[in-house]
Every structure is written in C-alpha cells, then in structure tokens.
N, C-alpha and C. Protein backbone atom coordinates (compact mmCIF):
# COMPACT_ATOMS: atom_id res chain seq x y z
N UNK A 1 71.36 152.84 -98.40
CA UNK A 1 70.97 151.47 -98.08
C UNK A 1 70.08 150.96 -99.20
N UNK A 2 70.33 149.73 -99.64
CA UNK A 2 69.50 149.13 -100.67
C UNK A 2 68.86 147.85 -100.15
N UNK A 3 68.11 147.19 -101.01
CA UNK A 3 67.34 146.03 -100.59
C UNK A 3 68.23 144.86 -100.18
N UNK A 4 69.44 144.76 -100.76
CA UNK A 4 70.31 143.64 -100.38
C UNK A 4 70.77 143.75 -98.93
N UNK A 5 70.91 144.96 -98.44
CA UNK A 5 71.29 145.12 -97.04
C UNK A 5 70.19 144.60 -96.13
N UNK A 6 68.95 144.91 -96.44
CA UNK A 6 67.82 144.41 -95.66
C UNK A 6 67.73 142.89 -95.77
N UNK A 7 67.95 142.36 -96.96
CA UNK A 7 67.92 140.91 -97.14
C UNK A 7 69.00 140.24 -96.30
N UNK A 8 70.19 140.80 -96.26
CA UNK A 8 71.27 140.23 -95.46
C UNK A 8 70.94 140.30 -93.97
N UNK A 9 70.31 141.39 -93.54
CA UNK A 9 69.92 141.51 -92.14
C UNK A 9 68.90 140.42 -91.79
N UNK A 10 67.90 140.23 -92.63
CA UNK A 10 66.87 139.23 -92.38
C UNK A 10 67.47 137.82 -92.36
N UNK A 11 68.35 137.53 -93.31
CA UNK A 11 68.98 136.21 -93.36
C UNK A 11 69.81 135.96 -92.11
N UNK A 12 70.59 136.96 -91.70
CA UNK A 12 71.44 136.82 -90.51
C UNK A 12 70.60 136.58 -89.26
N UNK A 13 69.50 137.33 -89.13
CA UNK A 13 68.64 137.16 -87.96
C UNK A 13 67.95 135.80 -87.98
N UNK A 14 67.58 135.32 -89.16
CA UNK A 14 66.96 134.00 -89.26
C UNK A 14 67.95 132.90 -88.86
N UNK A 15 69.20 133.04 -89.30
CA UNK A 15 70.22 132.06 -88.92
C UNK A 15 70.45 132.11 -87.41
N UNK A 16 70.57 133.32 -86.88
CA UNK A 16 70.80 133.48 -85.45
C UNK A 16 69.66 132.87 -84.64
N UNK A 17 68.44 133.15 -85.02
CA UNK A 17 67.29 132.63 -84.28
C UNK A 17 67.16 131.12 -84.42
N UNK A 18 67.50 130.59 -85.58
CA UNK A 18 67.39 129.15 -85.77
C UNK A 18 68.44 128.38 -84.96
N UNK A 19 69.51 129.04 -84.57
CA UNK A 19 70.55 128.39 -83.78
C UNK A 19 70.39 128.58 -82.27
N UNK A 20 69.37 129.32 -81.85
CA UNK A 20 69.21 129.63 -80.42
C UNK A 20 69.02 128.39 -79.56
N UNK A 21 68.44 127.36 -80.09
CA UNK A 21 68.24 126.14 -79.27
C UNK A 21 69.52 125.34 -79.13
N UNK A 22 70.54 125.63 -79.95
CA UNK A 22 71.82 124.93 -79.87
C UNK A 22 72.90 125.72 -79.14
N UNK A 23 72.95 127.02 -79.39
CA UNK A 23 74.02 127.86 -78.86
C UNK A 23 73.42 129.16 -78.33
N UNK A 24 74.25 129.97 -77.71
CA UNK A 24 73.77 131.26 -77.21
C UNK A 24 73.51 132.22 -78.37
N UNK A 25 72.85 133.32 -78.06
CA UNK A 25 72.53 134.31 -79.09
C UNK A 25 73.79 134.94 -79.66
N UNK A 26 74.80 135.13 -78.84
CA UNK A 26 76.06 135.70 -79.32
C UNK A 26 76.75 134.76 -80.30
N UNK A 27 76.80 133.49 -79.96
CA UNK A 27 77.45 132.51 -80.83
C UNK A 27 76.66 132.36 -82.13
N UNK A 28 75.34 132.32 -82.03
CA UNK A 28 74.50 132.23 -83.22
C UNK A 28 74.69 133.42 -84.14
N UNK A 29 74.79 134.61 -83.59
CA UNK A 29 75.04 135.80 -84.38
C UNK A 29 76.42 135.77 -85.02
N UNK A 30 77.39 135.27 -84.27
CA UNK A 30 78.75 135.16 -84.81
C UNK A 30 78.80 134.20 -85.99
N UNK A 31 78.10 133.08 -85.89
CA UNK A 31 78.05 132.12 -86.98
C UNK A 31 77.39 132.75 -88.20
N UNK A 32 76.29 133.45 -88.00
CA UNK A 32 75.59 134.09 -89.11
C UNK A 32 76.48 135.11 -89.82
N UNK A 33 77.18 135.91 -89.06
CA UNK A 33 78.04 136.94 -89.64
C UNK A 33 79.25 136.30 -90.33
N UNK A 34 79.76 135.22 -89.77
CA UNK A 34 80.88 134.53 -90.40
C UNK A 34 80.48 134.00 -91.77
N UNK A 35 79.26 133.48 -91.89
CA UNK A 35 78.78 133.00 -93.19
C UNK A 35 78.67 134.15 -94.19
N UNK A 36 78.11 135.27 -93.77
CA UNK A 36 77.98 136.41 -94.67
C UNK A 36 79.34 136.98 -95.05
N UNK A 37 80.25 137.03 -94.09
CA UNK A 37 81.59 137.55 -94.36
C UNK A 37 82.31 136.65 -95.36
N UNK A 38 82.22 135.35 -95.19
CA UNK A 38 82.83 134.42 -96.13
C UNK A 38 82.27 134.57 -97.53
N UNK A 39 80.97 134.80 -97.61
CA UNK A 39 80.32 135.01 -98.91
C UNK A 39 80.85 136.26 -99.58
N UNK A 40 80.97 137.34 -98.84
CA UNK A 40 81.48 138.60 -99.40
C UNK A 40 82.94 138.46 -99.85
N UNK A 41 83.75 137.77 -99.06
CA UNK A 41 85.15 137.58 -99.43
C UNK A 41 85.25 136.76 -100.72
N UNK A 42 84.44 135.71 -100.84
CA UNK A 42 84.44 134.90 -102.05
C UNK A 42 84.01 135.72 -103.27
N UNK A 43 83.01 136.58 -103.09
CA UNK A 43 82.59 137.44 -104.20
C UNK A 43 83.73 138.36 -104.63
N UNK A 44 84.50 138.89 -103.68
CA UNK A 44 85.62 139.76 -104.02
C UNK A 44 86.70 138.99 -104.76
N UNK A 45 86.95 137.75 -104.34
CA UNK A 45 87.95 136.94 -105.02
C UNK A 45 87.54 136.67 -106.47
N UNK A 46 86.28 136.32 -106.68
CA UNK A 46 85.82 136.07 -108.05
C UNK A 46 85.87 137.35 -108.89
N UNK A 47 85.49 138.47 -108.29
CA UNK A 47 85.53 139.74 -109.02
C UNK A 47 86.96 140.09 -109.42
N UNK A 48 87.92 139.89 -108.51
CA UNK A 48 89.32 140.14 -108.82
C UNK A 48 89.82 139.19 -109.90
N UNK A 49 89.41 137.93 -109.83
CA UNK A 49 89.82 136.96 -110.84
C UNK A 49 89.30 137.32 -112.22
N UNK A 50 88.05 137.74 -112.30
CA UNK A 50 87.46 138.12 -113.58
C UNK A 50 88.18 139.35 -114.15
N UNK A 51 88.55 140.29 -113.29
CA UNK A 51 89.30 141.46 -113.75
C UNK A 51 90.66 141.07 -114.31
N UNK A 52 91.19 139.95 -113.86
CA UNK A 52 92.51 139.49 -114.30
C UNK A 52 92.42 138.46 -115.43
N UNK A 53 91.25 138.32 -116.03
CA UNK A 53 91.10 137.44 -117.18
C UNK A 53 90.80 135.99 -116.86
N UNK A 54 90.40 135.71 -115.64
CA UNK A 54 90.10 134.34 -115.23
C UNK A 54 88.83 133.85 -115.91
N UNK A 55 88.82 132.56 -116.27
CA UNK A 55 87.63 131.91 -116.81
C UNK A 55 87.39 130.62 -116.05
N UNK A 56 86.15 130.16 -116.07
CA UNK A 56 85.79 128.92 -115.36
C UNK A 56 86.66 127.78 -115.84
N UNK A 57 87.11 126.95 -114.90
CA UNK A 57 87.96 125.81 -115.21
C UNK A 57 89.43 126.10 -114.98
N UNK A 58 89.79 127.36 -114.90
CA UNK A 58 91.17 127.74 -114.63
C UNK A 58 91.35 127.95 -113.13
N UNK A 59 92.61 127.97 -112.71
CA UNK A 59 92.92 128.30 -111.33
C UNK A 59 92.69 129.79 -111.12
N UNK A 60 92.05 130.14 -110.03
CA UNK A 60 91.75 131.55 -109.75
C UNK A 60 93.05 132.31 -109.47
N UNK A 61 93.36 133.37 -110.23
CA UNK A 61 94.61 134.10 -110.07
C UNK A 61 94.54 135.15 -108.95
N UNK A 62 94.21 134.70 -107.76
CA UNK A 62 94.05 135.59 -106.61
C UNK A 62 94.84 135.01 -105.46
N UNK A 63 95.54 135.86 -104.73
CA UNK A 63 96.30 135.42 -103.57
C UNK A 63 95.39 134.89 -102.47
N UNK A 64 95.99 134.20 -101.51
CA UNK A 64 95.24 133.51 -100.49
C UNK A 64 94.28 134.43 -99.72
N UNK A 65 94.74 135.57 -99.27
CA UNK A 65 93.90 136.47 -98.49
C UNK A 65 93.58 137.76 -99.23
N UNK A 66 93.75 137.78 -100.52
CA UNK A 66 93.55 138.99 -101.29
C UNK A 66 92.10 139.46 -101.26
N UNK A 67 91.16 138.54 -101.22
CA UNK A 67 89.75 138.92 -101.16
C UNK A 67 89.35 139.57 -99.85
N UNK A 68 90.19 139.39 -98.83
CA UNK A 68 89.90 139.99 -97.52
C UNK A 68 90.16 141.49 -97.54
N UNK A 69 91.20 141.92 -98.24
CA UNK A 69 91.54 143.35 -98.19
C UNK A 69 91.38 144.10 -99.50
N UNK A 70 91.05 143.41 -100.59
CA UNK A 70 90.87 144.10 -101.87
C UNK A 70 89.45 143.95 -102.37
N UNK A 71 88.98 144.96 -103.07
CA UNK A 71 87.68 144.87 -103.72
C UNK A 71 86.50 145.31 -102.88
N UNK A 72 86.74 145.75 -101.66
CA UNK A 72 85.63 146.16 -100.80
C UNK A 72 85.10 147.53 -101.21
N UNK A 73 83.79 147.62 -101.26
CA UNK A 73 83.11 148.89 -101.50
C UNK A 73 82.24 149.17 -100.29
N UNK A 74 81.66 150.35 -100.24
CA UNK A 74 80.75 150.66 -99.15
C UNK A 74 79.57 149.69 -99.14
N UNK A 75 79.09 149.34 -100.32
CA UNK A 75 77.96 148.42 -100.42
C UNK A 75 78.31 147.05 -99.84
N UNK A 76 79.47 146.52 -100.18
CA UNK A 76 79.84 145.20 -99.67
C UNK A 76 80.16 145.25 -98.18
N UNK A 77 80.70 146.36 -97.70
CA UNK A 77 80.95 146.49 -96.27
C UNK A 77 79.64 146.55 -95.49
N UNK A 78 78.66 147.26 -96.03
CA UNK A 78 77.36 147.34 -95.36
C UNK A 78 76.62 146.00 -95.39
N UNK A 79 76.91 145.17 -96.40
CA UNK A 79 76.31 143.84 -96.45
C UNK A 79 76.75 142.97 -95.28
N UNK A 80 77.85 143.33 -94.63
CA UNK A 80 78.32 142.59 -93.46
C UNK A 80 78.06 143.38 -92.17
N UNK A 81 78.29 144.69 -92.20
CA UNK A 81 78.19 145.49 -90.98
C UNK A 81 76.76 145.65 -90.47
N UNK A 82 75.81 145.85 -91.36
CA UNK A 82 74.42 146.01 -90.91
C UNK A 82 73.86 144.73 -90.28
N UNK A 83 74.07 143.55 -90.89
CA UNK A 83 73.64 142.34 -90.20
C UNK A 83 74.36 142.11 -88.88
N UNK A 84 75.64 142.49 -88.82
CA UNK A 84 76.38 142.35 -87.56
C UNK A 84 75.76 143.21 -86.48
N UNK A 85 75.38 144.42 -86.83
CA UNK A 85 74.73 145.31 -85.85
C UNK A 85 73.38 144.75 -85.43
N UNK A 86 72.61 144.24 -86.37
CA UNK A 86 71.30 143.67 -86.04
C UNK A 86 71.44 142.46 -85.13
N UNK A 87 72.40 141.59 -85.42
CA UNK A 87 72.62 140.41 -84.58
C UNK A 87 73.10 140.81 -83.18
N UNK A 88 73.91 141.84 -83.09
CA UNK A 88 74.37 142.32 -81.78
C UNK A 88 73.22 142.88 -80.97
N UNK A 89 72.33 143.62 -81.63
CA UNK A 89 71.16 144.17 -80.93
C UNK A 89 70.27 143.04 -80.43
N UNK A 90 70.02 142.03 -81.27
CA UNK A 90 69.18 140.92 -80.85
C UNK A 90 69.83 140.13 -79.71
N UNK A 91 71.14 139.88 -79.80
CA UNK A 91 71.82 139.15 -78.74
C UNK A 91 71.77 139.92 -77.42
N UNK A 92 71.93 141.23 -77.48
CA UNK A 92 71.84 142.05 -76.27
C UNK A 92 70.43 142.03 -75.70
N UNK A 93 69.43 142.13 -76.56
CA UNK A 93 68.04 142.11 -76.10
C UNK A 93 67.70 140.77 -75.44
N UNK A 94 68.16 139.68 -76.02
CA UNK A 94 67.90 138.36 -75.44
C UNK A 94 68.61 138.23 -74.10
N UNK A 95 69.83 138.73 -74.00
CA UNK A 95 70.57 138.67 -72.75
C UNK A 95 69.87 139.47 -71.65
N UNK A 96 69.42 140.67 -71.99
CA UNK A 96 68.71 141.51 -71.00
C UNK A 96 67.41 140.84 -70.59
N UNK A 97 66.68 140.29 -71.55
CA UNK A 97 65.41 139.63 -71.25
C UNK A 97 65.62 138.43 -70.32
N UNK A 98 66.66 137.65 -70.58
CA UNK A 98 66.94 136.48 -69.74
C UNK A 98 67.35 136.89 -68.33
N UNK A 99 68.13 137.98 -68.20
CA UNK A 99 68.52 138.46 -66.87
C UNK A 99 67.30 138.93 -66.08
N UNK A 100 66.42 139.67 -66.74
CA UNK A 100 65.22 140.15 -66.06
C UNK A 100 64.33 138.99 -65.64
N UNK A 101 64.24 137.99 -66.50
CA UNK A 101 63.41 136.83 -66.18
C UNK A 101 63.98 136.06 -64.98
N UNK A 102 65.30 135.92 -64.91
CA UNK A 102 65.92 135.26 -63.77
C UNK A 102 65.76 136.07 -62.48
N UNK A 103 65.86 137.40 -62.59
CA UNK A 103 65.75 138.26 -61.42
C UNK A 103 64.33 138.26 -60.85
N UNK A 104 63.35 138.06 -61.69
CA UNK A 104 61.96 138.10 -61.22
C UNK A 104 61.54 136.78 -60.55
N UNK A 105 62.32 135.73 -60.72
CA UNK A 105 61.96 134.42 -60.11
C UNK A 105 62.39 134.33 -58.69
C-alpha cells in the first residue's frame, strides 16, 4: 500500500460524506467510486495511447473499452478497491447507526 491508496480512500470518503444530505450513503459511495473508476480507466487509455506513439492533438489510438480491461496493475486496482471497501464500511456503519436510532425512539 502506498500514499496514493490512502489519498484515494480519503477523497472517496469526502465525496461520500458531502453527498449524504442529497442521497443515501450507498448511493454517495457508488458515485465516489464511479468517479475514481473513470479516472483510472482514463489513465489506462492514455498510457496505452502513449505506448502506441500517440501525441497530443491526435486521435487516441485506443478502442472504446480497451482501458477497462487493459493496463491494470495491482496498484491501479487498489486505487479503486480500497476506496470501495472504505465507502462500503462507512455506508454499513451509517445504516446500522440509523437503524439503532430508529429502534430506540
């Protein structure tokens, strides 16, 4: 684990918490993870394009979904999986807390 994994976890939790007044904790976590996943896929597409001789101003020589299944490393997978786990834990904790609060009333 490196510092970028922790940074991604913090960013995802901040996004999730900032959306709590609009949507549920599960939806907020899903939105946060979707943003991080899109970022990782875009990075893979650019990396593949650069490997194929792409330069700025040209059309990116990458297939439509190629960034989804190519170029993934353990580091890039953890950049998405660790924040997803953190958001799931927070969403579960909020759900349990809300149930207990309702039961005590």
